[in-house]
């Protein structure tokens, strides 16, 4: 009888530990799911940021081309004046 009581006590302890492990597993799965959602959000944010950076880079490139065009308009007449001493008939 004593051996049976020991065995029952051992099984009760094992069942309690098993319940604790199952609870920990549920918590771990929940955390995993939350982390996966966060990773998904971060991935979406990265895509959004990349699109924003690409748009900004395109805008910078456009502004650079505008600046180059304006500089060319200013530099060419000045070079023409320096070379010929003429302002294209404005003298």
N, C-alpha and C. Protein backbone atom coordinates (compact mmCIF):
# COMPACT_ATOMS: atom_id res chain seq x y z
N UNK A 1 0.81 -1.19 0.00
CA UNK A 1 0.00 0.00 0.00
C UNK A 1 0.86 1.26 0.00
N UNK A 2 1.93 1.23 0.78
CA UNK A 2 2.84 2.36 0.86
C UNK A 2 3.44 2.66 -0.51
N UNK A 3 3.81 1.61 -1.25
CA UNK A 3 4.40 1.78 -2.57
C UNK A 3 3.39 2.40 -3.53
N UNK A 4 2.13 2.00 -3.40
CA UNK A 4 1.08 2.55 -4.25
C UNK A 4 0.87 4.03 -3.96
N UNK A 5 0.89 4.42 -2.70
CA UNK A 5 0.75 5.83 -2.32
C UNK A 5 1.92 6.65 -2.86
N UNK A 6 3.12 6.08 -2.80
CA UNK A 6 4.29 6.77 -3.35
C UNK A 6 4.13 6.97 -4.86
N UNK A 7 3.66 5.91 -5.50
CA UNK A 7 3.49 5.96 -6.96
C UNK A 7 2.43 7.01 -7.33
N UNK A 8 1.32 7.05 -6.61
CA UNK A 8 0.27 8.04 -6.85
C UNK A 8 0.82 9.44 -6.62
N UNK A 9 1.56 9.63 -5.55
CA UNK A 9 2.17 10.93 -5.26
C UNK A 9 3.11 11.35 -6.38
N UNK A 10 3.89 10.39 -6.86
CA UNK A 10 4.81 10.68 -7.96
C UNK A 10 4.04 11.07 -9.22
N UNK A 11 2.96 10.33 -9.52
CA UNK A 11 2.16 10.63 -10.71
C UNK A 11 1.48 11.99 -10.60
N UNK A 12 1.00 12.34 -9.42
CA UNK A 12 0.38 13.66 -9.22
C UNK A 12 1.42 14.75 -9.48
N UNK A 13 2.62 14.54 -8.97
CA UNK A 13 3.69 15.51 -9.19
C UNK A 13 4.02 15.61 -10.68
N UNK A 14 4.09 14.48 -11.37
CA UNK A 14 4.37 14.47 -12.81
C UNK A 14 3.27 15.18 -13.59
N UNK A 15 2.01 14.96 -13.20
CA UNK A 15 0.89 15.62 -13.88
C UNK A 15 0.98 17.13 -13.69
N UNK A 16 1.32 17.56 -12.48
CA UNK A 16 1.46 18.99 -12.21
C UNK A 16 2.58 19.59 -13.05
N UNK A 17 3.70 18.90 -13.13
CA UNK A 17 4.81 19.38 -13.95
C UNK A 17 4.43 19.42 -15.43
N UNK A 18 3.68 18.41 -15.88
CA UNK A 18 3.23 18.38 -17.26
C UNK A 18 2.31 19.57 -17.56
N UNK A 19 1.40 19.88 -16.63
CA UNK A 19 0.52 21.04 -16.80
C UNK A 19 1.34 22.32 -16.88
N UNK A 20 2.35 22.43 -16.03
CA UNK A 20 3.22 23.61 -16.06
C UNK A 20 3.96 23.73 -17.40
N UNK A 21 4.44 22.60 -17.90
CA UNK A 21 5.14 22.60 -19.18
C UNK A 21 4.18 22.99 -20.30
N UNK A 22 2.96 22.48 -20.26
CA UNK A 22 1.96 22.84 -21.28
C UNK A 22 1.65 24.33 -21.23
N UNK A 23 1.54 24.87 -20.02
CA UNK A 23 1.28 26.31 -19.87
C UNK A 23 2.44 27.10 -20.45
N UNK A 24 3.67 26.69 -20.13
CA UNK A 24 4.84 27.37 -20.68
C UNK A 24 4.87 27.28 -22.20
N UNK A 25 4.47 26.14 -22.74
CA UNK A 25 4.44 25.96 -24.19
C UNK A 25 3.42 26.91 -24.82
N UNK A 26 2.24 27.03 -24.20
CA UNK A 26 1.23 27.96 -24.71
C UNK A 26 1.75 29.39 -24.70
N UNK A 27 2.41 29.76 -23.61
CA UNK A 27 2.98 31.11 -23.50
C UNK A 27 4.04 31.32 -24.58
N UNK A 28 4.89 30.32 -24.77
CA UNK A 28 5.95 30.43 -25.78
C UNK A 28 5.35 30.55 -27.18
N UNK A 29 4.30 29.78 -27.47
CA UNK A 29 3.65 29.87 -28.78
C UNK A 29 3.01 31.24 -28.97
N UNK A 30 2.42 31.76 -27.91
CA UNK A 30 1.81 33.09 -27.98
C UNK A 30 2.87 34.15 -28.25
N UNK A 31 4.00 34.04 -27.56
CA UNK A 31 5.10 34.98 -27.79
C UNK A 31 5.65 34.85 -29.20
N UNK A 32 5.76 33.62 -29.67
CA UNK A 32 6.24 33.39 -31.04
C UNK A 32 5.30 34.06 -32.04
N UNK A 33 4.01 33.89 -31.82
CA UNK A 33 3.03 34.50 -32.71
C UNK A 33 3.14 36.02 -32.68
N UNK A 34 3.30 36.58 -31.49
CA UNK A 34 3.45 38.03 -31.36
C UNK A 34 4.72 38.51 -32.06
N UNK A 35 5.81 37.75 -31.90
CA UNK A 35 7.06 38.12 -32.56
C UNK A 35 6.93 38.03 -34.08
N UNK A 36 6.23 37.01 -34.56
CA UNK A 36 6.03 36.89 -36.00
C UNK A 36 5.22 38.08 -36.53
N UNK A 37 4.21 38.50 -35.77
CA UNK A 37 3.44 39.68 -36.18
C UNK A 37 4.33 40.91 -36.21
N UNK A 38 5.17 41.06 -35.19
CA UNK A 38 6.09 42.20 -35.16
C UNK A 38 7.04 42.18 -36.34
N UNK A 39 7.55 41.00 -36.65
CA UNK A 39 8.45 40.87 -37.80
C UNK A 39 7.71 41.27 -39.08
N UNK A 40 6.46 40.85 -39.19
CA UNK A 40 5.66 41.24 -40.34
C UNK A 40 5.50 42.75 -40.44
N UNK A 41 5.20 43.39 -39.30
CA UNK A 41 5.06 44.84 -39.29
C UNK A 41 6.38 45.52 -39.64
N UNK A 42 7.48 45.00 -39.11
CA UNK A 42 8.79 45.58 -39.41
C UNK A 42 9.10 45.44 -40.90
N UNK A 43 8.77 44.28 -41.46
CA UNK A 43 8.99 44.08 -42.90
C UNK A 43 8.18 45.08 -43.72
N UNK A 44 6.92 45.28 -43.31
CA UNK A 44 6.09 46.27 -44.01
C UNK A 44 6.68 47.66 -43.87
N UNK A 45 7.14 47.98 -42.66
CA UNK A 45 7.77 49.29 -42.44
C UNK A 45 9.00 49.46 -43.31
N UNK A 46 9.80 48.40 -43.43
CA UNK A 46 11.00 48.46 -44.26
C UNK A 46 10.64 48.72 -45.72
N UNK A 47 9.58 48.06 -46.20
CA UNK A 47 9.15 48.28 -47.58
C UNK A 47 8.69 49.72 -47.75
N UNK A 48 7.91 50.20 -46.79
CA UNK A 48 7.42 51.58 -46.85
C UNK A 48 8.57 52.57 -46.82
N UNK A 49 9.53 52.34 -45.94
CA UNK A 49 10.70 53.22 -45.86
C UNK A 49 11.50 53.19 -47.15
N UNK A 50 11.68 52.01 -47.72
CA UNK A 50 12.43 51.91 -48.98
C UNK A 50 11.72 52.69 -50.09
N UNK A 51 10.41 52.56 -50.15
CA UNK A 51 9.66 53.31 -51.17
C UNK A 51 9.83 54.81 -50.94
N UNK A 52 9.76 55.22 -49.67
CA UNK A 52 9.94 56.64 -49.36
C UNK A 52 11.33 57.12 -49.73
N UNK A 53 12.34 56.32 -49.42
CA UNK A 53 13.71 56.69 -49.77
C UNK A 53 13.89 56.75 -51.28
N UNK A 54 13.29 55.80 -51.99
CA UNK A 54 13.38 55.82 -53.45
C UNK A 54 12.73 57.08 -54.01
N UNK A 55 11.58 57.46 -53.44
CA UNK A 55 10.90 58.67 -53.90
C UNK A 55 11.75 59.91 -53.61
N UNK A 56 12.36 59.95 -52.42
CA UNK A 56 13.24 61.08 -52.09
C UNK A 56 14.45 61.13 -53.01
N UNK A 57 15.02 59.96 -53.30
CA UNK A 57 16.18 59.92 -54.20
C UNK A 57 15.79 60.42 -55.59
N UNK A 58 14.61 60.04 -56.06
CA UNK A 58 14.15 60.52 -57.37
C UNK A 58 13.97 62.03 -57.35
N UNK A 59 13.45 62.56 -56.24
CA UNK A 59 13.28 64.00 -56.11
C UNK A 59 14.63 64.71 -56.10
N UNK A 60 15.60 64.15 -55.38
CA UNK A 60 16.95 64.72 -55.35
C UNK A 60 17.55 64.71 -56.75
N UNK A 61 17.39 63.60 -57.46
CA UNK A 61 17.92 63.51 -58.83
C UNK A 61 17.28 64.57 -59.73
N UNK A 62 15.98 64.78 -59.57
CA UNK A 62 15.28 65.78 -60.37
C UNK A 62 15.81 67.18 -60.05
N UNK A 63 15.99 67.47 -58.77
CA UNK A 63 16.52 68.78 -58.37
C UNK A 63 17.94 68.97 -58.89
N UNK A 64 18.75 67.91 -58.84
CA UNK A 64 20.12 67.99 -59.38
C UNK A 64 20.09 68.33 -60.87
N UNK A 65 19.17 67.72 -61.61
CA UNK A 65 19.07 68.01 -63.04
C UNK A 65 18.62 69.45 -63.27
N UNK A 66 17.69 69.95 -62.44
CA UNK A 66 17.26 71.34 -62.56
C UNK A 66 18.42 72.29 -62.29
N UNK A 67 19.19 72.00 -61.25
CA UNK A 67 20.35 72.83 -60.91
C UNK A 67 21.36 72.82 -62.05
N UNK A 68 21.63 71.64 -62.59
CA UNK A 68 22.59 71.53 -63.70
C UNK A 68 22.09 72.32 -64.91
N UNK A 69 20.79 72.27 -65.20
CA UNK A 69 20.23 73.02 -66.33
C UNK A 69 20.38 74.51 -66.10
N UNK A 70 20.07 74.98 -64.89
CA UNK A 70 20.18 76.41 -64.57
C UNK A 70 21.64 76.85 -64.65
N UNK A 71 22.55 76.03 -64.12
CA UNK A 71 23.97 76.36 -64.19
C UNK A 71 24.43 76.43 -65.64
N UNK A 72 23.95 75.53 -66.47
CA UNK A 72 24.33 75.55 -67.88
C UNK A 72 23.82 76.82 -68.55
N UNK A 73 22.62 77.25 -68.19
CA UNK A 73 22.07 78.49 -68.77
C UNK A 73 22.89 79.70 -68.36
N UNK A 74 23.40 79.69 -67.14
CA UNK A 74 24.17 80.82 -66.62
C UNK A 74 25.60 80.78 -67.14
N UNK A 75 26.21 79.61 -67.18
CA UNK A 75 27.62 79.48 -67.54
C UNK A 75 27.84 79.70 -69.02
N UNK A 76 26.98 79.19 -69.88
CA UNK A 76 27.18 79.31 -71.33
C UNK A 76 27.16 80.76 -71.78
N UNK A 77 26.16 81.59 -71.40
CA UNK A 77 26.21 83.00 -71.81
C UNK A 77 27.43 83.72 -71.24
N UNK A 78 27.81 83.44 -70.03
CA UNK A 78 28.98 84.09 -69.44
C UNK A 78 30.23 83.71 -70.21
N UNK A 79 30.35 82.45 -70.60
CA UNK A 79 31.51 82.01 -71.37
C UNK A 79 31.50 82.65 -72.75
N UNK A 80 30.33 82.79 -73.34
CA UNK A 80 30.22 83.44 -74.65
C UNK A 80 30.65 84.89 -74.55
N UNK A 81 30.21 85.59 -73.53
CA UNK A 81 30.58 86.99 -73.33
C UNK A 81 32.08 87.12 -73.11
N UNK A 82 32.63 86.23 -72.29
CA UNK A 82 34.07 86.29 -72.00
C UNK A 82 34.88 86.03 -73.26
N UNK A 83 34.42 85.15 -74.10
CA UNK A 83 35.17 84.80 -75.31
C UNK A 83 35.04 85.86 -76.39
N UNK A 84 33.88 86.48 -76.51
CA UNK A 84 33.65 87.41 -77.62
C UNK A 84 33.57 88.85 -77.19
N UNK A 85 33.33 89.08 -75.93
CA UNK A 85 33.16 90.45 -75.45
C UNK A 85 31.81 91.00 -75.86
N UNK A 86 30.95 90.14 -76.35
CA UNK A 86 29.64 90.57 -76.84
C UNK A 86 28.55 90.05 -75.92
N UNK A 87 27.46 90.79 -75.89
CA UNK A 87 26.29 90.34 -75.14
C UNK A 87 25.17 90.02 -76.12
N UNK A 88 25.55 89.50 -77.29
CA UNK A 88 24.60 89.13 -78.34
C UNK A 88 23.78 90.32 -78.82
N UNK A 89 24.45 91.40 -79.11
CA UNK A 89 23.80 92.56 -79.67
C UNK A 89 23.17 93.48 -78.66
N UNK A 90 23.44 93.28 -77.41
CA UNK A 90 22.86 94.14 -76.38
C UNK A 90 23.72 95.36 -76.13
N UNK A 91 24.92 95.46 -76.75
CA UNK A 91 25.80 96.63 -76.56
C UNK A 91 25.41 97.75 -77.46
